[in-house]
Structure formats: structure tokens, C-alpha cells
Amino acid sequence: QVQLVESGGGLVQAGASLRLSCAASGRSFSYNVMGWFRQAPGKDRELVAAQIWYHSNTYYADSVKGRFTISRDSASNTVDLQMNSLEPEDTAVYYCAADTRVYISADRSPSFRGSDYDYWGQGTHVTVSS
């Protein structure tokens, strides 16, 4: 049984940092994509960051470029999201997700569509106060 379990959310002030972690179990994602989505109240779910595990290429939403970093540890089957310079607009529930389609070509970008991701974590809340 595949499981994705997030941790690391919380309440912080604007300008602070948080590190989210997603522990995957049940299978390896060596040729797939792991991503972080978020959904704020009243807004659509959006892809924040994603990484193709085969060659470590990454994708970031424009709103978080330069502030967030996605990283993976194949040995422990985890994917982290380091979030710096947090803003109140980053307040949302953050979800770890896995797209199990095969990504090998360096020219292929991760999908930003949630419907393309097969496995999801339960979500972790991030609240940034001003």
C-alpha cells in the first residue's frame, strides 16, 4: 500500500521559514515525479514545486521562485520543501503528491495538473501571520 505522509506545517510569522517533509512508503518513485501542491481557502489547488526524480530537474510556481526549494532523498524515499521568506499569501494546506508516469527525458516538464498525480498525502497546514 502506497502512503505519503507530510509533516512540518505550523504557524509562523511573515519572513520566517518552514520545512515540510513527505515520507513515501510502499514503492519507489525513481522514475516519477514528486510534487507539492497547496490549496488556500476559497482558491483552487495549485502546484507549488515538483521534482523529476530520475534527473532531479525541478519546477517552481512563479509565486515561490527564489523562496522555496524542493529536494529529495532517494535513500529514505522522502521529498522536502524548504520554504523561506514566508508571506501571508503562502497560507494554505500543503499536499505531497506523486505522478507515477515515467519521466526520463530531460526535456519533459512535470505536470501542473493535480489530476495527473496518483497518490496524495493527507495535507499539512501552513499559516503565515502578518
N, C-alpha and C. Protein backbone atom coordinates (compact mmCIF):
# COMPACT_ATOMS: atom_id res chain seq x y z
N GLN A 1 0.85 -1.18 0.00
CA GLN A 1 0.00 0.00 0.00
C GLN A 1 0.89 1.25 0.00
N VAL A 2 0.65 2.13 -0.96
CA VAL A 2 1.45 3.35 -1.07
C VAL A 2 0.88 4.40 -0.12
N GLN A 3 1.78 5.03 0.61
CA GLN A 3 1.37 6.11 1.51
C GLN A 3 2.33 7.27 1.39
N LEU A 4 1.78 8.47 1.44
CA LEU A 4 2.56 9.70 1.51
C LEU A 4 2.14 10.41 2.78
N VAL A 5 3.10 10.70 3.63
CA VAL A 5 2.78 11.32 4.91
C VAL A 5 3.59 12.60 5.06
N GLU A 6 2.87 13.73 5.15
CA GLU A 6 3.52 15.03 5.30
C GLU A 6 3.71 15.38 6.76
N SER A 7 4.70 16.21 7.01
CA SER A 7 4.93 16.76 8.33
C SER A 7 5.62 18.10 8.19
N GLY A 8 5.60 18.88 9.25
CA GLY A 8 6.36 20.12 9.27
C GLY A 8 5.57 21.40 9.15
N GLY A 9 4.27 21.32 9.00
CA GLY A 9 3.49 22.55 8.93
C GLY A 9 3.41 23.25 10.27
N GLY A 10 2.82 24.43 10.26
CA GLY A 10 2.68 25.16 11.51
C GLY A 10 2.30 26.60 11.29
N LEU A 11 2.35 27.36 12.37
CA LEU A 11 2.02 28.78 12.36
C LEU A 11 3.30 29.58 12.56
N VAL A 12 3.59 30.45 11.61
CA VAL A 12 4.79 31.27 11.69
C VAL A 12 4.45 32.70 11.30
N GLN A 13 5.38 33.60 11.59
CA GLN A 13 5.20 35.00 11.19
C GLN A 13 5.80 35.22 9.80
N ALA A 14 5.35 36.25 9.16
CA ALA A 14 5.89 36.59 7.85
C ALA A 14 7.40 36.76 7.93
N GLY A 15 8.09 36.24 6.93
CA GLY A 15 9.54 36.32 6.89
C GLY A 15 10.24 35.09 7.46
N ALA A 16 9.49 34.25 8.15
CA ALA A 16 10.07 33.05 8.76
C ALA A 16 10.21 31.93 7.72
N SER A 17 10.77 30.83 8.19
CA SER A 17 10.99 29.67 7.33
C SER A 17 10.31 28.45 7.94
N LEU A 18 9.94 27.53 7.06
CA LEU A 18 9.42 26.23 7.47
C LEU A 18 9.96 25.19 6.50
N ARG A 19 10.09 23.99 7.00
CA ARG A 19 10.50 22.89 6.14
C ARG A 19 9.46 21.78 6.24
N LEU A 20 8.85 21.48 5.11
CA LEU A 20 7.89 20.39 5.04
C LEU A 20 8.60 19.14 4.56
N SER A 21 8.16 18.01 5.08
CA SER A 21 8.74 16.74 4.67
C SER A 21 7.63 15.77 4.29
N CYS A 22 7.89 14.96 3.29
CA CYS A 22 6.94 13.96 2.84
C CYS A 22 7.66 12.62 2.80
N ALA A 23 7.17 11.71 3.60
CA ALA A 23 7.75 10.36 3.63
C ALA A 23 6.88 9.42 2.80
N ALA A 24 7.48 8.82 1.81
CA ALA A 24 6.76 7.90 0.92
C ALA A 24 7.08 6.46 1.30
N SER A 25 6.08 5.63 1.25
CA SER A 25 6.29 4.22 1.53
C SER A 25 5.43 3.39 0.58
N GLY A 26 5.83 2.15 0.38
CA GLY A 26 5.05 1.24 -0.45
C GLY A 26 5.59 1.05 -1.85
N ARG A 27 6.40 2.00 -2.32
CA ARG A 27 7.02 1.85 -3.63
C ARG A 27 8.10 2.92 -3.78
N SER A 28 8.93 2.73 -4.78
CA SER A 28 9.95 3.72 -5.11
C SER A 28 9.41 4.64 -6.21
N PHE A 29 9.91 5.86 -6.25
CA PHE A 29 9.49 6.82 -7.26
C PHE A 29 10.67 7.28 -8.11
N SER A 30 11.61 6.38 -8.34
CA SER A 30 12.87 6.72 -9.01
C SER A 30 12.68 7.28 -10.42
N TYR A 31 11.63 6.91 -11.12
CA TYR A 31 11.41 7.37 -12.49
C TYR A 31 10.18 8.27 -12.60
N ASN A 32 9.74 8.80 -11.49
CA ASN A 32 8.49 9.53 -11.46
C ASN A 32 8.70 10.96 -10.96
N VAL A 33 7.59 11.62 -10.70
CA VAL A 33 7.61 12.99 -10.21
C VAL A 33 6.98 13.05 -8.82
N MET A 34 7.64 13.77 -7.94
CA MET A 34 7.06 14.09 -6.63
C MET A 34 6.86 15.59 -6.59
N GLY A 35 5.71 16.00 -6.11
CA GLY A 35 5.41 17.42 -6.09
C GLY A 35 4.73 17.85 -4.80
N TRP A 36 4.72 19.16 -4.61
CA TRP A 36 3.99 19.78 -3.52
C TRP A 36 2.93 20.71 -4.11
N PHE A 37 1.70 20.48 -3.71
CA PHE A 37 0.59 21.35 -4.07
C PHE A 37 0.15 22.10 -2.82
N ARG A 38 -0.61 23.15 -3.05
CA ARG A 38 -1.23 23.83 -1.91
C ARG A 38 -2.62 24.31 -2.31
N GLN A 39 -3.46 24.41 -1.30
CA GLN A 39 -4.81 24.94 -1.52
C GLN A 39 -5.17 25.87 -0.39
N ALA A 40 -5.36 27.13 -0.75
CA ALA A 40 -5.77 28.14 0.22
C ALA A 40 -7.30 28.19 0.26
N PRO A 41 -7.87 28.67 1.36
CA PRO A 41 -9.33 28.76 1.46
C PRO A 41 -9.93 29.54 0.31
N GLY A 42 -10.91 28.95 -0.35
CA GLY A 42 -11.59 29.63 -1.44
C GLY A 42 -10.82 29.68 -2.75
N LYS A 43 -9.68 29.01 -2.80
CA LYS A 43 -8.87 29.04 -4.03
C LYS A 43 -8.68 27.64 -4.57
N ASP A 44 -8.31 27.59 -5.84
CA ASP A 44 -8.03 26.30 -6.46
C ASP A 44 -6.70 25.74 -5.96
N ARG A 45 -6.58 24.44 -6.02
CA ARG A 45 -5.32 23.80 -5.70
C ARG A 45 -4.28 24.15 -6.78
N GLU A 46 -3.06 24.43 -6.37
CA GLU A 46 -2.02 24.79 -7.33
C GLU A 46 -0.73 24.04 -7.02
N LEU A 47 0.00 23.74 -8.09
CA LEU A 47 1.31 23.12 -7.93
C LEU A 47 2.30 24.18 -7.49
N VAL A 48 2.99 23.91 -6.42
CA VAL A 48 3.99 24.84 -5.89
C VAL A 48 5.38 24.48 -6.41
N ALA A 49 5.72 23.21 -6.31
CA ALA A 49 7.04 22.75 -6.73
C ALA A 49 6.97 21.27 -7.06
N ALA A 50 7.80 20.85 -7.98
CA ALA A 50 7.85 19.44 -8.35
C ALA A 50 9.25 19.07 -8.77
N GLN A 51 9.57 17.81 -8.61
CA GLN A 51 10.90 17.34 -8.99
C GLN A 51 10.79 16.00 -9.69
N ILE A 52 11.50 15.89 -10.81
CA ILE A 52 11.60 14.62 -11.52
C ILE A 52 12.76 13.85 -10.90
N TRP A 53 12.46 12.74 -10.28
CA TRP A 53 13.47 12.06 -9.50
C TRP A 53 14.59 11.49 -10.36
N TYR A 54 14.34 11.12 -11.61
CA TYR A 54 15.36 10.46 -12.44
C TYR A 54 16.58 11.35 -12.65
N HIS A 55 16.33 12.67 -12.91
CA HIS A 55 17.47 13.56 -13.15
C HIS A 55 17.42 14.81 -12.30
N SER A 56 16.51 14.83 -11.34
CA SER A 56 16.43 15.92 -10.34
C SER A 56 16.00 17.26 -10.90
N ASN A 57 15.53 17.33 -12.14
CA ASN A 57 15.01 18.60 -12.65
C ASN A 57 13.84 19.06 -11.79
N THR A 58 13.75 20.36 -11.60
CA THR A 58 12.72 20.91 -10.73
C THR A 58 11.86 21.94 -11.45
N TYR A 59 10.69 22.16 -10.89
CA TYR A 59 9.75 23.17 -11.37
C TYR A 59 9.22 23.93 -10.17
N TYR A 60 9.07 25.25 -10.33
CA TYR A 60 8.50 26.07 -9.26
C TYR A 60 7.44 27.00 -9.83
N ALA A 61 6.40 27.21 -9.07
CA ALA A 61 5.43 28.24 -9.43
C ALA A 61 6.11 29.60 -9.31
N ASP A 62 5.72 30.53 -10.16
CA ASP A 62 6.35 31.85 -10.15
C ASP A 62 6.26 32.51 -8.78
N SER A 63 5.18 32.25 -8.06
CA SER A 63 4.96 32.92 -6.78
C SER A 63 5.95 32.48 -5.70
N VAL A 64 6.63 31.36 -5.91
CA VAL A 64 7.54 30.86 -4.87
C VAL A 64 8.99 30.77 -5.34
N LYS A 65 9.25 31.08 -6.59
CA LYS A 65 10.63 31.01 -7.11
C LYS A 65 11.56 31.87 -6.29
N GLY A 66 12.69 31.31 -5.95
CA GLY A 66 13.67 32.04 -5.15
C GLY A 66 13.44 31.95 -3.66
N ARG A 67 12.27 31.45 -3.26
CA ARG A 67 11.96 31.34 -1.83
C ARG A 67 11.82 29.88 -1.38
N PHE A 68 11.29 29.05 -2.25
CA PHE A 68 11.06 27.64 -1.92
C PHE A 68 12.05 26.76 -2.67
N THR A 69 12.43 25.66 -2.02
CA THR A 69 13.31 24.68 -2.65
C THR A 69 12.80 23.29 -2.38
N ILE A 70 12.64 22.52 -3.45
CA ILE A 70 12.24 21.12 -3.31
C ILE A 70 13.48 20.25 -3.41
N SER A 71 13.54 19.23 -2.59
CA SER A 71 14.68 18.33 -2.62
C SER A 71 14.23 16.92 -2.26
N ARG A 72 14.99 15.96 -2.69
CA ARG A 72 14.62 14.56 -2.43
C ARG A 72 15.79 13.81 -1.83
N ASP A 73 15.44 12.74 -1.16
CA ASP A 73 16.43 11.82 -0.63
C ASP A 73 15.97 10.43 -1.04
N SER A 74 16.60 9.91 -2.08
CA SER A 74 16.17 8.62 -2.61
C SER A 74 16.35 7.51 -1.60
N ALA A 75 17.40 7.59 -0.80
CA ALA A 75 17.67 6.53 0.16
C ALA A 75 16.54 6.39 1.18
N SER A 76 15.99 7.52 1.60
CA SER A 76 14.92 7.47 2.60
C SER A 76 13.55 7.63 1.97
N ASN A 77 13.51 7.82 0.66
CA ASN A 77 12.23 7.96 -0.06
C ASN A 77 11.42 9.13 0.47
N THR A 78 12.09 10.26 0.65
CA THR A 78 11.43 11.46 1.15
C THR A 78 11.64 12.63 0.19
N VAL A 79 10.70 13.54 0.21
CA VAL A 79 10.83 14.77 -0.56
C VAL A 79 10.47 15.92 0.37
N ASP A 80 11.33 16.91 0.44
CA ASP A 80 11.16 18.04 1.33
C ASP A 80 10.86 19.31 0.54
N LEU A 81 10.24 20.24 1.23
CA LEU A 81 10.01 21.57 0.68
C LEU A 81 10.50 22.58 1.70
N GLN A 82 11.61 23.21 1.40
CA GLN A 82 12.14 24.28 2.25
C GLN A 82 11.49 25.58 1.83
N MET A 83 10.83 26.23 2.76
CA MET A 83 10.10 27.46 2.47
C MET A 83 10.71 28.60 3.27
N ASN A 84 11.29 29.56 2.58
CA ASN A 84 11.91 30.72 3.22
C ASN A 84 11.12 31.98 2.88
N SER A 85 11.36 33.01 3.67
CA SER A 85 10.71 34.31 3.44
C SER A 85 9.20 34.14 3.24
N LEU A 86 8.60 33.43 4.15
CA LEU A 86 7.17 33.14 4.01
C LEU A 86 6.34 34.41 4.07
N GLU A 87 5.27 34.40 3.29
CA GLU A 87 4.36 35.53 3.21
C GLU A 87 2.96 35.07 3.61
N PRO A 88 2.11 35.99 4.06
CA PRO A 88 0.74 35.58 4.41
C PRO A 88 0.03 34.89 3.25
N GLU A 89 0.40 35.24 2.02
CA GLU A 89 -0.22 34.61 0.84
C GLU A 89 0.17 33.14 0.70
N ASP A 90 1.15 32.69 1.45
CA ASP A 90 1.55 31.28 1.41
C ASP A 90 0.68 30.41 2.32
N THR A 91 -0.19 31.04 3.07
CA THR A 91 -1.08 30.29 3.95
C THR A 91 -1.97 29.35 3.15
N ALA A 92 -1.91 28.07 3.49
CA ALA A 92 -2.66 27.06 2.73
C ALA A 92 -2.45 25.70 3.39
N VAL A 93 -3.20 24.73 2.90
CA VAL A 93 -2.90 23.34 3.21
C VAL A 93 -1.98 22.83 2.11
N TYR A 94 -0.87 22.26 2.51
CA TYR A 94 0.13 21.78 1.56
C TYR A 94 0.06 20.26 1.47
N TYR A 95 0.04 19.78 0.23
CA TYR A 95 -0.08 18.36 -0.04
C TYR A 95 1.11 17.84 -0.83
N CYS A 96 1.60 16.72 -0.43
CA CYS A 96 2.61 15.99 -1.19
C CYS A 96 1.87 15.07 -2.16
N ALA A 97 2.40 14.94 -3.37
CA ALA A 97 1.72 14.11 -4.36
C ALA A 97 2.74 13.45 -5.28
N ALA A 98 2.35 12.32 -5.86
CA ALA A 98 3.24 11.58 -6.75
C ALA A 98 2.56 11.29 -8.08
N ASP A 99 3.25 11.59 -9.15
CA ASP A 99 2.82 11.27 -10.52
C ASP A 99 3.64 10.07 -10.96
N THR A 100 2.98 8.93 -11.11
CA THR A 100 3.72 7.69 -11.36
C THR A 100 3.98 7.41 -12.83
N ARG A 101 3.66 8.35 -13.70
CA ARG A 101 4.09 8.17 -15.09
C ARG A 101 5.60 8.27 -15.16
N VAL A 102 6.19 7.63 -16.19
CA VAL A 102 7.64 7.59 -16.28
C VAL A 102 8.16 8.89 -16.90
N TYR A 103 9.07 9.52 -16.19
CA TYR A 103 9.73 10.73 -16.65
C TYR A 103 11.22 10.44 -16.74
N ILE A 104 11.74 10.35 -17.96
CA ILE A 104 13.17 10.12 -18.14
C ILE A 104 13.80 11.26 -18.95
N SER A 105 13.12 11.71 -19.98
CA SER A 105 13.67 12.76 -20.83
C SER A 105 13.86 14.04 -20.05
N ALA A 106 15.02 14.64 -20.21
CA ALA A 106 15.31 15.91 -19.56
C ALA A 106 14.48 17.04 -20.14
N ASP A 107 13.87 16.82 -21.30
CA ASP A 107 13.07 17.86 -21.93
C ASP A 107 11.63 17.87 -21.43
N ARG A 108 11.26 16.87 -20.65
CA ARG A 108 9.88 16.77 -20.20
C ARG A 108 9.72 17.46 -18.86
N SER A 109 8.71 18.31 -18.77
CA SER A 109 8.46 19.05 -17.53
C SER A 109 7.41 18.33 -16.69
N PRO A 110 7.44 18.50 -15.38
CA PRO A 110 6.41 17.90 -14.54
C PRO A 110 5.04 18.49 -14.86
N SER A 111 4.02 17.69 -14.68
CA SER A 111 2.67 18.17 -14.89
C SER A 111 2.26 19.08 -13.74
N PHE A 112 1.51 20.13 -14.08
CA PHE A 112 0.98 21.00 -13.04
C PHE A 112 -0.46 20.66 -12.70
N ARG A 113 -1.01 19.65 -13.37
CA ARG A 113 -2.40 19.25 -13.15
C ARG A 113 -2.50 18.23 -12.03
N GLY A 114 -3.29 18.55 -11.05
CA GLY A 114 -3.47 17.63 -9.94
C GLY A 114 -4.03 16.29 -10.38
N SER A 115 -4.83 16.28 -11.42
CA SER A 115 -5.43 15.04 -11.90
C SER A 115 -4.41 14.06 -12.45
N ASP A 116 -3.20 14.55 -12.73
CA ASP A 116 -2.14 13.66 -13.24
C ASP A 116 -1.38 12.97 -12.11
N TYR A 117 -1.64 13.35 -10.89
CA TYR A 117 -0.95 12.76 -9.75
C TYR A 117 -1.80 11.65 -9.14
N ASP A 118 -1.15 10.52 -8.88
CA ASP A 118 -1.88 9.32 -8.49
C ASP A 118 -2.01 9.13 -6.98
N TYR A 119 -1.03 9.62 -6.26
CA TYR A 119 -1.03 9.43 -4.81
C TYR A 119 -0.90 10.78 -4.12
N TRP A 120 -1.61 10.90 -3.01
CA TRP A 120 -1.65 12.16 -2.26
C TRP A 120 -1.49 11.90 -0.77
N GLY A 121 -0.84 12.84 -0.11
CA GLY A 121 -0.79 12.81 1.33
C GLY A 121 -2.05 13.43 1.91
N GLN A 122 -2.10 13.45 3.22
CA GLN A 122 -3.29 13.95 3.91
C GLN A 122 -3.29 15.47 4.04
N GLY A 123 -2.15 16.09 3.81
CA GLY A 123 -2.04 17.54 3.88
C GLY A 123 -1.52 18.01 5.22
N THR A 124 -0.82 19.13 5.18
CA THR A 124 -0.33 19.76 6.40
C THR A 124 -0.58 21.27 6.31
N HIS A 125 -1.05 21.85 7.41
CA HIS A 125 -1.44 23.25 7.40
C HIS A 125 -0.24 24.16 7.61
N VAL A 126 -0.17 25.19 6.79
CA VAL A 126 0.82 26.25 6.95
C VAL A 126 0.07 27.57 7.07
N THR A 127 0.30 28.26 8.17
CA THR A 127 -0.35 29.55 8.40
C THR A 127 0.74 30.59 8.63
N VAL A 128 0.72 31.65 7.84
CA VAL A 128 1.71 32.72 7.96
C VAL A 128 0.99 33.99 8.37
N SER A 129 1.33 34.49 9.53
CA SER A 129 0.69 35.71 10.02
C SER A 129 1.50 36.93 9.63
N SER A 130 0.80 38.04 9.46
CA SER A 130 1.48 39.28 9.03
C SER A 130 1.95 40.09 10.23
